Amino acid sequence: DWRALADPKATTIVYMGVRTLQALANRLCAEGLDPNTPAIIIERASWPNERHLTSTISKLPQAAEAAAIQAPALVIIGQALRDHKSEL
């Protein structure tokens, strides 16, 4: 249910979303999610070399590509993240 995922009150977590991140961002924005919605990608969550990259949903795919983010990774999207600081 893409409309439910694009709900501005929701926080969405996507497991293993690196390869499909651009399509995910495009679809969520097309369904009405504000392109400035905060988003984080967490590479290798809970590993010693874990990395976080914070952006907006519209800019996260390009930022992840520039940072060479690789799977495994979690993508978290929602206003609940608005105060998170990047650790990358």
Protein backbone atom coordinates (compact mmCIF):
# COMPACT_ATOMS: atom_id res chain seq x y z
CA ASP A 1 0.00 0.00 0.00
CA TRP A 2 2.12 2.88 -1.33
CA ARG A 3 -0.25 5.55 -0.01
CA ALA A 4 0.18 4.22 3.51
CA LEU A 5 3.96 4.23 3.09
CA ALA A 6 3.80 7.85 1.89
CA ASP A 7 1.83 8.95 4.98
CA PRO A 8 3.71 11.93 6.46
CA LYS A 9 2.96 10.64 9.99
CA ALA A 10 4.46 7.21 9.31
CA THR A 11 8.02 6.04 9.79
CA THR A 12 8.97 3.40 7.25
CA ILE A 13 11.89 0.97 7.45
CA VAL A 14 13.07 -0.90 4.37
CA TYR A 15 15.50 -3.80 4.72
CA MET A 16 17.95 -4.37 1.87
CA GLY A 17 16.86 -1.31 -0.12
CA VAL A 18 20.18 -0.20 -1.61
CA ARG A 19 19.62 -1.40 -5.17
CA THR A 20 16.05 -0.14 -5.32
CA LEU A 21 16.56 3.11 -3.39
CA GLN A 22 16.00 5.44 -6.35
CA ALA A 23 12.80 3.65 -7.39
CA LEU A 24 11.60 3.66 -3.77
CA ALA A 25 12.22 7.39 -3.38
CA ASN A 26 10.56 8.16 -6.71
CA ARG A 27 7.47 6.09 -5.90
CA LEU A 28 7.04 7.49 -2.40
CA CYS A 29 7.28 11.06 -3.69
CA ALA A 30 4.88 10.25 -6.54
CA GLU A 31 2.42 8.96 -3.94
CA GLY A 32 2.57 12.27 -2.10
CA LEU A 33 5.46 11.99 0.37
CA ASP A 34 7.18 15.35 0.81
CA PRO A 35 10.57 15.15 -0.99
CA ASN A 36 12.10 16.88 2.05
CA THR A 37 11.09 14.06 4.40
CA PRO A 38 14.14 13.02 6.46
CA ALA A 39 15.71 9.69 5.56
CA ILE A 40 18.66 7.66 6.80
CA ILE A 41 20.48 4.71 5.32
CA ILE A 42 22.34 2.53 7.81
CA GLU A 43 24.99 0.36 6.25
CA ARG A 44 26.04 -2.79 8.14
CA ALA A 45 23.77 -2.05 11.14
CA SER A 46 25.21 -3.34 14.43
CA TRP A 47 28.58 -4.20 12.88
CA PRO A 48 31.78 -2.51 14.12
CA ASN A 49 32.07 -0.64 10.80
CA GLU A 50 28.44 0.57 10.74
CA ARG A 51 27.83 3.81 8.81
CA HIS A 52 24.88 6.21 8.78
CA LEU A 53 24.01 8.64 6.01
CA THR A 54 21.31 11.24 6.68
CA SER A 55 19.55 13.17 3.94
CA THR A 56 16.06 13.72 2.57
CA ILE A 57 14.18 11.02 0.72
CA SER A 58 14.66 12.84 -2.59
CA LYS A 59 18.43 13.26 -2.14
CA LEU A 60 19.26 10.00 -0.36
CA PRO A 61 19.74 7.86 -3.50
CA GLN A 62 22.40 10.20 -4.92
CA ALA A 63 24.06 10.64 -1.51
CA ALA A 64 24.18 6.86 -0.99
CA GLU A 65 25.72 6.38 -4.41
CA ALA A 66 28.32 9.08 -3.78
CA ALA A 67 29.20 7.48 -0.42
CA ALA A 68 29.39 4.02 -2.05
CA ILE A 69 26.84 2.57 0.39
CA GLN A 70 26.53 -1.18 -0.01
CA ALA A 71 24.24 -3.89 1.29
CA PRO A 72 23.35 -4.92 3.86
CA ALA A 73 21.60 -1.68 4.71
CA LEU A 74 18.43 -0.37 6.28
CA VAL A 75 16.58 2.65 4.91
CA ILE A 76 14.50 4.59 7.42
CA ILE A 77 12.14 7.32 6.24
CA GLY A 78 10.00 9.69 8.29
CA GLN A 79 9.66 12.87 10.31
CA ALA A 80 10.76 10.97 13.43
CA LEU A 81 14.31 11.33 12.04
CA ARG A 82 14.33 15.12 11.69
CA ASP A 83 16.92 15.67 14.45
CA HIS A 84 19.27 12.80 13.58
CA LYS A 85 22.85 13.77 12.66
CA SER A 86 24.87 11.88 10.07
CA GLU A 87 27.80 9.78 11.29
CA LEU A 88 29.23 9.01 7.86
